Amino acid sequence: LSDQQDQYHCALHSDCADMAPVSDAAALYRKLPPPRYSTHSKGHSCDAKALSEQVGAAGAGLLASRAVCQASCSNDPDCRFFFWDENKAHHWAHCISYAACPSLNLAGALNDATVYKTDD
């Protein structure tokens, strides 16, 4: 097992100013910043097929917070839009991710329903 462990090497760097040749099997990966989002529409949801959706009691899973819903979209390469709505008084939330948002539906006028889009 020791010989197998010596075959692998992983290193993390804060920058990559200088490059050095390595074996053919080596790969260098760069961490990309998370996408930025802006408001696409308030008081609406997308009239499109959802990539993922969760609705119900706020506080767990995708419904933990808008930031968690947004992170779920950021981690899906197909996601370009996400919908977030919550009613804090009733401890209820709704998170949906979409690849596209060709048109809008009226949604949750009493809540703070918002569709966000990636700016990247």
Protein backbone atom coordinates (compact mmCIF):
# COMPACT_ATOMS: atom_id res chain seq x y z
CA LEU A 1 0.00 0.00 0.00
CA SER A 2 2.91 2.33 0.73
CA ASP A 3 4.12 2.11 -2.89
CA GLN A 4 0.64 3.04 -4.16
CA GLN A 5 0.40 6.06 -1.85
CA ASP A 6 3.74 7.36 -3.12
CA GLN A 7 2.30 7.50 -6.66
CA TYR A 8 -0.20 10.21 -5.77
CA HIS A 9 0.35 13.80 -4.79
CA CYS A 10 -2.16 16.53 -4.07
CA ALA A 11 -1.24 20.14 -3.35
CA LEU A 12 -3.24 23.30 -2.74
CA HIS A 13 -1.83 26.70 -3.71
CA SER A 14 -3.10 30.24 -3.18
CA ASP A 15 -1.67 31.24 -6.58
CA CYS A 16 0.11 29.63 -9.49
CA ALA A 17 2.67 32.19 -10.62
CA ASP A 18 5.33 29.65 -11.65
CA MET A 19 4.77 26.39 -13.51
CA ALA A 20 7.10 23.37 -13.56
CA PRO A 21 6.96 20.25 -15.79
CA VAL A 22 5.45 17.12 -14.22
CA SER A 23 4.49 13.63 -15.38
CA ASP A 24 1.94 13.11 -18.17
CA ALA A 25 -0.70 11.98 -15.68
CA ALA A 26 -0.68 15.23 -13.68
CA ALA A 27 -3.53 17.73 -13.86
CA LEU A 28 -3.88 21.26 -12.55
CA TYR A 29 -7.32 22.51 -11.51
CA ARG A 30 -8.32 26.07 -10.76
CA LYS A 31 -11.16 26.88 -8.39
CA LEU A 32 -13.62 29.23 -10.03
CA PRO A 33 -15.49 31.87 -8.05
CA PRO A 34 -19.19 31.15 -7.48
CA PRO A 35 -21.52 32.81 -9.98
CA ARG A 36 -23.04 36.17 -9.13
CA TYR A 37 -26.81 36.54 -9.14
CA SER A 38 -29.16 39.45 -9.72
CA THR A 39 -32.92 39.78 -9.41
CA HIS A 40 -34.71 38.62 -12.56
CA SER A 41 -38.28 39.15 -11.31
CA LYS A 42 -40.17 39.74 -8.05
CA GLY A 43 -43.59 38.21 -7.37
CA HIS A 44 -43.18 35.56 -10.08
CA SER A 45 -41.79 32.08 -10.68
CA CYS A 46 -40.44 30.75 -13.98
CA ASP A 47 -42.81 28.98 -16.33
CA ALA A 48 -40.27 26.25 -17.09
CA LYS A 49 -39.29 22.72 -16.11
CA ALA A 50 -37.54 22.68 -12.73
CA LEU A 51 -34.11 21.12 -12.35
CA SER A 52 -34.83 20.68 -8.63
CA GLU A 53 -37.58 21.81 -6.28
CA GLN A 54 -38.30 21.67 -2.57
CA VAL A 55 -41.20 23.27 -0.73
CA GLY A 56 -42.34 22.99 2.88
CA ALA A 57 -41.17 23.74 6.39
CA ALA A 58 -38.22 26.13 6.31
CA GLY A 59 -34.95 25.31 8.00
CA ALA A 60 -33.68 22.07 6.44
CA GLY A 61 -32.19 20.98 3.12
CA LEU A 62 -32.64 23.46 0.29
CA LEU A 63 -35.09 25.33 2.51
CA ALA A 64 -32.51 26.21 5.17
CA SER A 65 -32.00 29.67 3.63
CA ARG A 66 -31.88 31.59 0.35
CA ALA A 67 -28.08 31.16 0.46
CA VAL A 68 -28.43 27.36 0.53
CA CYS A 69 -30.92 27.46 -2.35
CA GLN A 70 -28.50 29.70 -4.30
CA ALA A 71 -25.54 27.39 -3.54
CA SER A 72 -27.53 24.46 -4.91
CA CYS A 73 -27.98 26.36 -8.17
CA SER A 74 -24.29 27.36 -8.21
CA ASN A 75 -23.27 23.69 -7.86
CA ASP A 76 -25.40 22.60 -10.83
CA PRO A 77 -23.73 23.44 -14.16
CA ASP A 78 -27.14 23.52 -15.89
CA CYS A 79 -28.72 25.98 -13.44
CA ARG A 80 -29.03 29.59 -14.60
CA PHE A 81 -32.03 30.72 -12.50
CA PHE A 82 -33.38 29.97 -9.04
CA PHE A 83 -36.63 30.89 -7.33
CA TRP A 84 -36.79 31.65 -3.60
CA ASP A 85 -39.89 32.37 -1.59
CA GLU A 86 -40.42 32.21 2.15
CA ASN A 87 -42.99 33.11 4.73
CA LYS A 88 -41.11 33.56 8.02
CA ALA A 89 -44.32 33.95 10.04
CA HIS A 90 -45.49 30.48 8.94
CA HIS A 91 -41.97 28.94 8.82
CA TRP A 92 -42.42 27.96 5.16
CA ALA A 93 -40.10 28.19 2.14
CA HIS A 94 -39.87 27.23 -1.54
CA CYS A 95 -36.70 26.73 -3.62
CA ILE A 96 -36.66 25.89 -7.35
CA SER A 97 -33.74 25.82 -9.80
CA TYR A 98 -34.08 26.22 -13.57
CA ALA A 99 -31.87 25.95 -16.65
CA ALA A 100 -33.95 28.63 -18.41
CA CYS A 101 -36.74 31.07 -17.62
CA PRO A 102 -38.47 31.84 -20.94
CA SER A 103 -41.61 33.24 -19.29
CA LEU A 104 -43.01 34.00 -15.83
CA ASN A 105 -45.98 32.90 -13.70
CA LEU A 106 -47.58 35.03 -11.01
CA ALA A 107 -46.48 33.59 -7.67
CA GLY A 108 -46.94 34.26 -3.98
CA ALA A 109 -48.02 37.89 -4.02
CA LEU A 110 -48.20 37.82 -0.21
CA ASN A 111 -44.68 36.44 0.13
CA ASP A 112 -41.32 37.71 -1.08
CA ALA A 113 -41.16 35.46 -4.17
CA THR A 114 -38.11 36.26 -6.32
CA VAL A 115 -36.43 34.72 -9.34
CA TYR A 116 -32.67 35.27 -9.45
CA LYS A 117 -30.47 34.81 -12.53
CA THR A 118 -26.77 34.20 -12.91
CA ASP A 119 -24.84 37.21 -14.15
CA ASP A 120 -22.03 35.09 -15.58
